Amino acid sequence: MFRAETTVTKDSFSRKTGQRLGNTLSEKLGVCPDICWLFCAPLEGLEELVAGVAEALGTRNIVGCTTDGEISTLGFSVGSAVLAGVATDKIDFHVASVSDLSKGSEEAGRNLAAQFPPTVRYAQVFSDGLTGNGCAILRGIASVLGSDIPIAGGTAGDAGKFQRTWQFIGDKVISDGIAAVGFSGVFQVGTGVRSGWSPIGTAKKVTKASGNVLYELNDQPALDVYERFLGKHADKLPEVGVEYPLGLVDEPGEVGEDDYYLLRATMTVNRENGSILFAGEIPEGAMVRLTCGDYNCILEAAEKAARLALADLGNFKPVMIHFYTCMARKIVLGRRVREEVEKIKRVFGADLPMVGFYTYGEYCRVRCGGPSLLHNETATVSVIGV
């Protein structure tokens, strides 16, 4: 047995709103859920909303975070709260959380993974999108669970304000932390990742970098390289940088496998030393290329990610979709942003339960058996099959 449902509200956040949300989900499922995901805008009354949901559902198995836009079976929404739940006898769920992420992301990943039993075969992770290092979190998790366990999810948002994000675990609201759920049992997970951005110009070598700060490309200040490329639009950095992310190139000099490559989005620039802060790590010595995309390519990439996830399921029947996609895509798509969810539905069918959100960074593996990575500006689709 596997049942999944989603419900959405745009009512003012309060304990009563949370209770109604939780009760509605239970009524739609017909039973109490075994696990729930809550994604919502960073609005006043957030703690009361979470408390109300937990009270109505009577379970600690609730994970989620604040977002830059919410996704449900009904589609895309903003200023809302989306609650999804599953009732099943095929999967056991194990929730975990850590705080003080900013004190050490890799250690936080290790501590999080240590809370899971050894039977966990898949995990979804929702980390603070402003205080943590997603790449380091994944290294910490992999050091405990192994690098072959698929990890999906995303980093929490705050509606594009970049001030503070929140994570949910049970009836608690935390910040500077991680909330996660591990899956054990009889199921399959299919994943698909694509961006829609294409490389421009020749590859350049990262000659100086530290973590997610890029100092030099081809022994020249990184900001100078970007400004020459952008020309008259250079004064719009870092905002315009979301339209031209950096793509990491593999060893043979080709950008990724097929039409995939790992993107890094600009966050801030330092005009004094010519450096650029990105939303993910950039290894020193790596080869990179600037990229660009358009509406159609970005939307086609979302559909391709869904098709890859469906193919990854093999003979298993898809029963629930998790769609974690980047807020930069939302910015570029503008009024066409709703079409991204419609592309996913075109692959799986309009009625298959779906939940997710627009993130500040996406977690997903690129291929079956491969390591899970932190992505920027990328559509990531994870589908559960039974």
Protein backbone atom coordinates (compact mmCIF):
# COMPACT_ATOMS: atom_id res chain seq x y z
CA MET A 1 0.00 0.00 0.00
CA PHE A 2 1.22 3.47 -0.89
CA ARG A 3 -0.87 6.64 -0.70
CA ALA A 4 0.41 10.17 -1.22
CA GLU A 5 -1.45 13.48 -1.17
CA THR A 6 -0.70 17.21 -1.08
CA THR A 7 -2.67 20.18 0.15
CA VAL A 8 -2.08 23.93 -0.10
CA THR A 9 -3.22 27.03 1.79
CA LYS A 10 -2.70 30.76 1.28
CA ASP A 11 -4.43 31.68 4.54
CA SER A 12 -2.56 33.76 7.10
CA PHE A 13 -0.16 31.57 9.07
CA SER A 14 -1.47 30.58 12.51
CA ARG A 15 -1.93 27.52 14.68
CA LYS A 16 -5.49 27.13 13.35
CA THR A 17 -4.26 27.33 9.75
CA GLY A 18 -1.73 24.61 10.50
CA GLN A 19 -4.39 22.46 12.12
CA ARG A 20 -6.67 22.84 9.10
CA LEU A 21 -3.79 21.98 6.78
CA GLY A 22 -2.94 18.85 8.76
CA ASN A 23 -6.56 17.74 9.07
CA THR A 24 -7.16 18.24 5.36
CA LEU A 25 -4.15 16.08 4.50
CA SER A 26 -5.27 13.28 6.82
CA GLU A 27 -8.78 13.38 5.34
CA LYS A 28 -7.41 13.16 1.80
CA LEU A 29 -5.16 10.23 2.72
CA GLY A 30 -7.88 8.49 4.69
CA VAL A 31 -5.31 7.59 7.38
CA CYS A 32 -2.65 9.34 9.43
CA PRO A 33 0.51 9.92 7.34
CA ASP A 34 3.76 8.14 8.09
CA ILE A 35 5.83 11.10 6.86
CA CYS A 36 5.07 14.69 5.87
CA TRP A 37 6.87 17.44 3.99
CA LEU A 38 6.04 21.08 4.74
CA PHE A 39 7.33 23.83 2.46
CA CYS A 40 6.18 27.42 2.91
CA ALA A 41 6.93 31.09 2.53
CA PRO A 42 8.88 32.83 5.35
CA LEU A 43 5.84 34.64 6.71
CA GLU A 44 4.77 35.88 10.13
CA GLY A 45 3.18 33.13 12.22
CA LEU A 46 5.52 30.45 10.87
CA GLU A 47 6.16 28.76 14.24
CA GLU A 48 2.45 28.63 15.03
CA LEU A 49 1.71 27.13 11.61
CA VAL A 50 4.25 24.35 12.12
CA ALA A 51 2.96 23.66 15.63
CA GLY A 52 -0.61 23.44 14.33
CA VAL A 53 0.35 20.98 11.58
CA ALA A 54 2.17 18.74 14.06
CA GLU A 55 -0.69 18.92 16.53
CA ALA A 56 -3.27 17.90 13.91
CA LEU A 57 -1.17 15.05 12.53
CA GLY A 58 0.09 13.73 15.85
CA THR A 59 3.49 12.75 14.46
CA ARG A 60 7.11 13.88 14.76
CA ASN A 61 7.77 12.72 11.20
CA ILE A 62 7.53 16.17 9.61
CA VAL A 63 10.41 17.76 7.67
CA GLY A 64 10.65 20.85 5.51
CA CYS A 65 11.79 24.45 5.23
CA THR A 66 11.03 27.94 4.01
CA THR A 67 11.36 28.56 0.29
CA ASP A 68 11.50 30.94 -2.65
CA GLY A 69 8.29 29.42 -4.02
CA GLU A 70 6.25 26.33 -3.30
CA ILE A 71 5.34 23.36 -5.53
CA SER A 72 2.44 20.93 -5.13
CA THR A 73 0.28 18.67 -7.27
CA LEU A 74 -1.78 21.79 -8.04
CA GLY A 75 1.31 23.56 -9.41
CA PHE A 76 3.45 26.55 -8.45
CA SER A 77 2.48 29.03 -5.72
CA VAL A 78 4.03 31.79 -3.61
CA GLY A 79 3.09 33.12 -0.19
CA SER A 80 1.61 29.71 0.57
CA ALA A 81 2.13 26.60 2.69
CA VAL A 82 2.30 23.21 0.96
CA LEU A 83 1.91 20.02 2.99
CA ALA A 84 2.46 16.58 1.51
CA GLY A 85 2.14 13.22 3.19
CA VAL A 86 2.59 9.50 2.59
CA ALA A 87 0.95 6.49 4.17
CA THR A 88 2.59 3.19 3.25
CA ASP A 89 3.51 -0.26 4.54
CA LYS A 90 6.44 -0.52 2.13
CA ILE A 91 8.76 2.19 3.49
CA ASP A 92 10.00 3.13 6.95
CA PHE A 93 10.90 6.78 7.51
CA HIS A 94 13.52 8.16 9.90
CA VAL A 95 13.76 11.89 10.59
CA ALA A 96 16.91 13.65 11.80
CA SER A 97 18.14 17.19 12.38
CA VAL A 98 21.18 19.19 13.44
CA SER A 99 21.69 22.80 14.52
CA ASP A 100 24.64 25.21 14.45
CA LEU A 101 25.39 24.41 10.83
CA SER A 102 27.61 27.48 10.46
CA LYS A 103 30.07 26.04 13.00
CA GLY A 104 31.04 23.26 10.58
CA SER A 105 29.08 21.93 7.62
CA GLU A 106 31.00 18.69 7.13
CA GLU A 107 30.71 17.79 10.80
CA ALA A 108 27.00 18.66 10.68
CA GLY A 109 26.60 16.24 7.76
CA ARG A 110 28.34 13.48 9.72
CA ASN A 111 26.21 14.11 12.82
CA LEU A 112 23.05 14.09 10.74
CA ALA A 113 23.89 10.82 8.98
CA ALA A 114 24.83 9.16 12.29
CA GLN A 115 21.21 9.53 13.42
CA PHE A 116 20.00 7.22 10.62
CA PRO A 117 19.90 3.43 10.98
CA PRO A 118 22.12 1.38 8.63
CA THR A 119 19.02 0.28 6.69
CA VAL A 120 18.58 3.73 5.11
CA ARG A 121 18.88 3.54 1.31
CA TYR A 122 17.82 7.09 0.35
CA ALA A 123 17.65 10.48 2.08
CA GLN A 124 16.18 13.91 1.51
CA VAL A 125 18.03 16.86 3.05
CA PHE A 126 16.86 20.44 3.67
CA SER A 127 19.65 22.70 4.92
CA ASP A 128 19.96 26.40 5.66
CA GLY A 129 20.57 28.08 2.31
CA LEU A 130 22.58 30.97 3.77
CA THR A 131 24.78 29.61 6.56
CA GLY A 132 25.86 26.18 5.34
CA ASN A 133 28.18 24.74 2.71
CA GLY A 134 26.11 22.18 0.79
CA CYS A 135 29.16 20.48 -0.73
CA ALA A 136 30.68 19.97 2.73
CA ILE A 137 27.36 18.69 4.11
CA LEU A 138 27.30 16.02 1.41
CA ARG A 139 30.90 15.02 2.16
CA GLY A 140 29.99 14.57 5.80
CA ILE A 141 26.93 12.46 5.00
CA ALA A 142 28.89 10.31 2.52
CA SER A 143 31.59 9.65 5.12
CA VAL A 144 28.97 7.86 7.23
CA LEU A 145 26.43 6.44 4.78
CA GLY A 146 28.70 5.97 1.75
CA SER A 147 28.73 7.91 -1.50
CA ASP A 148 26.35 5.58 -3.34
CA ILE A 149 23.23 6.43 -1.29
CA PRO A 150 21.15 8.91 -3.32
CA ILE A 151 20.40 12.22 -1.62
CA ALA A 152 17.75 14.65 -2.85
CA GLY A 153 16.40 17.91 -1.50
CA GLY A 154 17.49 21.50 -1.44
CA THR A 155 18.73 24.44 0.57
CA ALA A 156 16.09 26.58 2.25
CA GLY A 157 15.11 30.00 0.91
CA ASP A 158 13.55 33.17 2.28
CA ALA A 159 11.65 34.55 -0.72
CA GLY A 160 14.78 36.08 -2.24
CA LYS A 161 15.60 38.31 0.75
CA PHE A 162 18.84 36.44 1.60
CA GLN A 163 18.55 37.31 5.28
CA ARG A 164 17.48 34.18 7.18
CA THR A 165 15.95 30.80 6.38
CA TRP A 166 14.14 28.24 8.57
CA GLN A 167 14.02 24.44 8.71
CA PHE A 168 11.28 22.26 10.22
CA ILE A 169 11.58 19.03 12.19
CA GLY A 170 8.48 17.72 13.94
CA ASP A 171 6.84 20.66 15.73
CA LYS A 172 10.08 22.65 15.90
CA VAL A 173 11.33 25.51 13.73
CA ILE A 174 15.12 25.92 13.61
CA SER A 175 17.53 28.13 11.69
CA ASP A 176 21.17 27.53 10.76
CA GLY A 177 20.36 23.82 10.70
CA ILE A 178 19.41 20.78 8.64
CA ALA A 179 16.22 18.73 8.62
CA ALA A 180 16.28 15.38 6.85
CA VAL A 181 14.40 12.13 6.31
CA GLY A 182 15.85 8.70 5.53
CA PHE A 183 13.99 5.96 3.67
CA SER A 184 14.24 2.22 4.40
CA GLY A 185 12.24 -0.62 2.90
CA VAL A 186 11.08 -1.89 -0.49
CA PHE A 187 11.08 0.91 -3.06
CA GLN A 188 13.08 2.41 -5.89
CA VAL A 189 14.14 5.99 -6.46
CA GLY A 190 14.60 7.52 -9.90
CA THR A 191 16.49 10.78 -10.35
CA GLY A 192 16.97 13.22 -13.19
CA VAL A 193 19.05 16.41 -13.39
CA ARG A 194 19.27 18.98 -16.19
CA SER A 195 19.74 22.76 -16.37
CA GLY A 196 19.15 24.10 -19.90
CA TRP A 197 22.21 26.37 -19.84
CA SER A 198 24.78 26.01 -22.65
CA PRO A 199 28.52 26.82 -22.62
CA ILE A 200 29.91 29.95 -24.26
CA GLY A 201 33.47 30.54 -25.39
CA THR A 202 36.59 28.64 -24.46
CA ALA A 203 37.27 26.80 -21.22
CA LYS A 204 39.26 28.68 -18.56
CA LYS A 205 41.33 27.34 -15.70
CA VAL A 206 40.57 28.17 -12.08
CA THR A 207 44.02 29.36 -11.03
CA LYS A 208 43.01 30.61 -7.57
CA ALA A 209 39.99 29.64 -5.48
CA SER A 210 39.06 28.77 -1.92
CA GLY A 211 35.83 26.95 -1.19
CA ASN A 212 33.10 28.87 -2.96
CA VAL A 213 35.20 32.02 -3.55
CA LEU A 214 36.72 32.32 -7.03
CA TYR A 215 39.70 34.67 -7.20
CA GLU A 216 41.35 34.05 -10.58
CA LEU A 217 40.62 32.53 -13.98
CA ASN A 218 43.66 32.04 -16.23
CA ASP A 219 45.69 34.08 -13.70
CA GLN A 220 43.36 37.07 -14.10
CA PRO A 221 40.91 38.44 -11.50
CA ALA A 222 37.66 36.51 -11.87
CA LEU A 223 35.58 39.69 -11.79
CA ASP A 224 37.60 41.15 -14.68
CA VAL A 225 36.88 38.05 -16.78
CA TYR A 226 33.16 38.27 -16.03
CA GLU A 227 33.03 42.01 -16.72
CA ARG A 228 34.72 41.64 -20.12
CA PHE A 229 32.22 38.94 -21.01
CA LEU A 230 29.17 40.91 -19.83
CA GLY A 231 30.25 44.22 -21.37
CA LYS A 232 27.67 46.94 -20.73
CA HIS A 233 25.76 44.64 -18.35
CA ALA A 234 28.74 44.25 -15.99
CA ASP A 235 27.49 46.93 -13.60
CA LYS A 236 24.48 44.69 -12.88
CA LEU A 237 26.63 42.07 -11.16
CA PRO A 238 25.97 40.00 -9.12
CA GLU A 239 22.25 40.03 -10.03
CA VAL A 240 22.81 39.47 -13.75
CA GLY A 241 25.09 36.56 -12.89
CA VAL A 242 22.08 34.25 -12.44
CA GLU A 243 21.65 34.41 -16.22
CA TYR A 244 25.30 33.40 -16.82
CA PRO A 245 26.32 30.71 -14.32
CA LEU A 246 29.71 29.05 -14.35
CA GLY A 247 29.83 25.48 -15.69
CA LEU A 248 32.44 23.04 -14.40
CA VAL A 249 34.16 21.13 -17.20
CA ASP A 250 35.32 17.53 -16.89
CA GLU A 251 38.86 16.28 -17.55
CA PRO A 252 38.55 15.59 -21.31
CA GLY A 253 37.53 19.21 -21.83
CA GLU A 254 33.90 18.48 -22.68
CA VAL A 255 31.17 19.94 -20.49
CA GLY A 256 29.84 16.99 -18.56
CA GLU A 257 28.20 13.86 -19.87
CA ASP A 258 25.72 14.33 -22.74
CA ASP A 259 24.13 17.71 -21.99
CA TYR A 260 24.73 17.76 -18.22
CA TYR A 261 27.28 19.82 -16.34
CA LEU A 262 27.57 21.20 -12.84
CA LEU A 263 26.60 24.87 -12.53
CA ARG A 264 27.65 27.49 -10.01
CA ALA A 265 25.63 30.69 -9.52
CA THR A 266 27.08 34.06 -8.49
CA MET A 267 26.09 35.37 -5.05
CA THR A 268 28.22 38.46 -4.39
CA VAL A 269 31.24 40.22 -5.88
CA ASN A 270 34.23 41.86 -4.19
CA ARG A 271 35.33 44.78 -6.32
CA GLU A 272 38.38 45.41 -4.15
CA ASN A 273 40.12 42.08 -4.80
CA GLY A 274 38.24 41.05 -7.95
CA SER A 275 36.76 37.88 -6.46
CA ILE A 276 33.29 36.36 -6.87
CA LEU A 277 31.40 34.39 -4.23
CA PHE A 278 29.41 31.48 -5.71
CA ALA A 279 26.60 29.35 -4.26
CA GLY A 280 28.75 26.20 -4.37
CA GLU A 281 32.39 25.19 -4.21
CA ILE A 282 34.69 25.67 -7.20
CA PRO A 283 37.83 23.49 -7.05
CA GLU A 284 41.17 25.17 -7.73
CA GLY A 285 42.64 23.75 -10.92
CA ALA A 286 39.24 22.96 -12.44
CA MET A 287 38.31 23.98 -15.97
CA VAL A 288 35.19 26.13 -16.29
CA ARG A 289 33.12 27.86 -18.95
CA LEU A 290 30.59 30.65 -18.79
CA THR A 291 27.10 29.58 -19.81
CA CYS A 292 23.81 31.09 -20.93
CA GLY A 293 20.24 29.87 -21.37
CA ASP A 294 16.85 30.91 -22.63
CA TYR A 295 13.25 30.20 -21.62
CA ASN A 296 12.70 27.31 -23.99
CA CYS A 297 15.96 25.52 -23.17
CA ILE A 298 15.35 25.88 -19.43
CA LEU A 299 11.83 24.45 -19.72
CA GLU A 300 12.95 21.63 -22.00
CA ALA A 301 15.62 20.74 -19.45
CA ALA A 302 12.99 20.33 -16.72
CA GLU A 303 11.05 17.92 -18.93
CA LYS A 304 14.23 15.99 -19.74
CA ALA A 305 15.07 15.71 -16.03
CA ALA A 306 11.63 14.18 -15.48
CA ARG A 307 12.11 11.70 -18.33
CA LEU A 308 15.50 10.68 -16.95
CA ALA A 309 13.98 10.12 -13.50
CA LEU A 310 11.18 8.01 -14.96
CA ALA A 311 13.64 5.89 -16.95
CA ASP A 312 15.76 5.46 -13.82
CA LEU A 313 12.81 3.74 -12.10
CA GLY A 314 12.96 0.78 -14.45
CA ASN A 315 9.97 -1.49 -13.90
CA PHE A 316 8.86 0.20 -10.69
CA LYS A 317 5.60 2.18 -10.71
CA PRO A 318 6.00 5.92 -9.98
CA VAL A 319 3.94 6.94 -6.96
CA MET A 320 5.30 10.34 -5.87
CA ILE A 321 7.41 13.13 -7.38
CA HIS A 322 9.75 15.47 -5.50
CA PHE A 323 10.77 18.48 -7.57
CA TYR A 324 13.55 20.71 -6.21
CA THR A 325 14.50 23.51 -8.59
CA CYS A 326 16.53 26.71 -8.35
CA MET A 327 15.22 30.18 -7.57
CA ALA A 328 17.50 31.49 -10.35
CA ARG A 329 15.38 29.55 -12.84
CA LYS A 330 12.32 31.25 -11.38
CA ILE A 331 13.94 34.64 -11.94
CA VAL A 332 14.88 33.91 -15.55
CA LEU A 333 11.54 32.28 -16.42
CA GLY A 334 9.55 35.16 -14.95
CA ARG A 335 5.91 34.88 -15.97
CA ARG A 336 6.59 31.49 -17.54
CA VAL A 337 7.69 29.91 -14.24
CA ARG A 338 4.45 27.91 -13.90
CA GLU A 339 5.32 26.07 -17.09
CA GLU A 340 8.21 24.30 -15.37
CA VAL A 341 5.86 22.25 -13.18
CA GLU A 342 3.62 21.63 -16.20
CA LYS A 343 6.60 20.10 -18.02
CA ILE A 344 7.05 17.61 -15.18
CA LYS A 345 3.36 16.74 -15.20
CA ARG A 346 3.50 16.12 -18.94
CA VAL A 347 5.90 13.24 -18.27
CA PHE A 348 4.26 11.66 -15.22
CA GLY A 349 0.61 12.64 -15.64
CA ALA A 350 -1.29 15.49 -14.03
CA ASP A 351 -2.62 13.46 -11.10
CA LEU A 352 0.59 11.94 -9.74
CA PRO A 353 1.28 13.56 -6.33
CA MET A 354 4.07 16.13 -6.46
CA VAL A 355 5.78 18.29 -3.85
CA GLY A 356 8.85 20.52 -3.84
CA PHE A 357 10.06 24.10 -3.80
CA TYR A 358 12.30 26.72 -5.38
CA THR A 359 15.64 26.48 -3.59
CA TYR A 360 18.92 28.30 -3.03
CA GLY A 361 20.72 25.10 -4.13
CA GLU A 362 19.65 21.57 -5.12
CA TYR A 363 20.84 18.15 -3.92
CA CYS A 364 20.68 15.23 -6.34
CA ARG A 365 22.79 12.48 -7.92
CA VAL A 366 23.49 12.81 -11.62
CA ARG A 367 23.44 9.11 -12.48
CA CYS A 368 22.51 5.83 -10.81
CA GLY A 369 25.31 4.72 -8.51
CA GLY A 370 27.05 8.09 -8.76
CA PRO A 371 27.64 10.53 -5.91
CA SER A 372 25.05 13.11 -4.92
CA LEU A 373 26.07 16.70 -5.66
CA LEU A 374 25.07 20.26 -4.84
CA HIS A 375 23.69 21.97 -7.95
CA ASN A 376 22.81 25.57 -8.80
CA GLU A 377 20.28 26.78 -11.38
CA THR A 378 19.24 23.18 -12.03
CA ALA A 379 15.97 21.25 -12.18
CA THR A 380 16.22 18.08 -10.07
CA VAL A 381 13.49 15.44 -10.14
CA SER A 382 13.32 12.53 -7.70
CA VAL A 383 10.51 10.04 -8.06
CA ILE A 384 9.57 7.23 -5.69
CA GLY A 385 8.61 3.90 -7.25
CA VAL A 386 7.07 0.81 -5.66
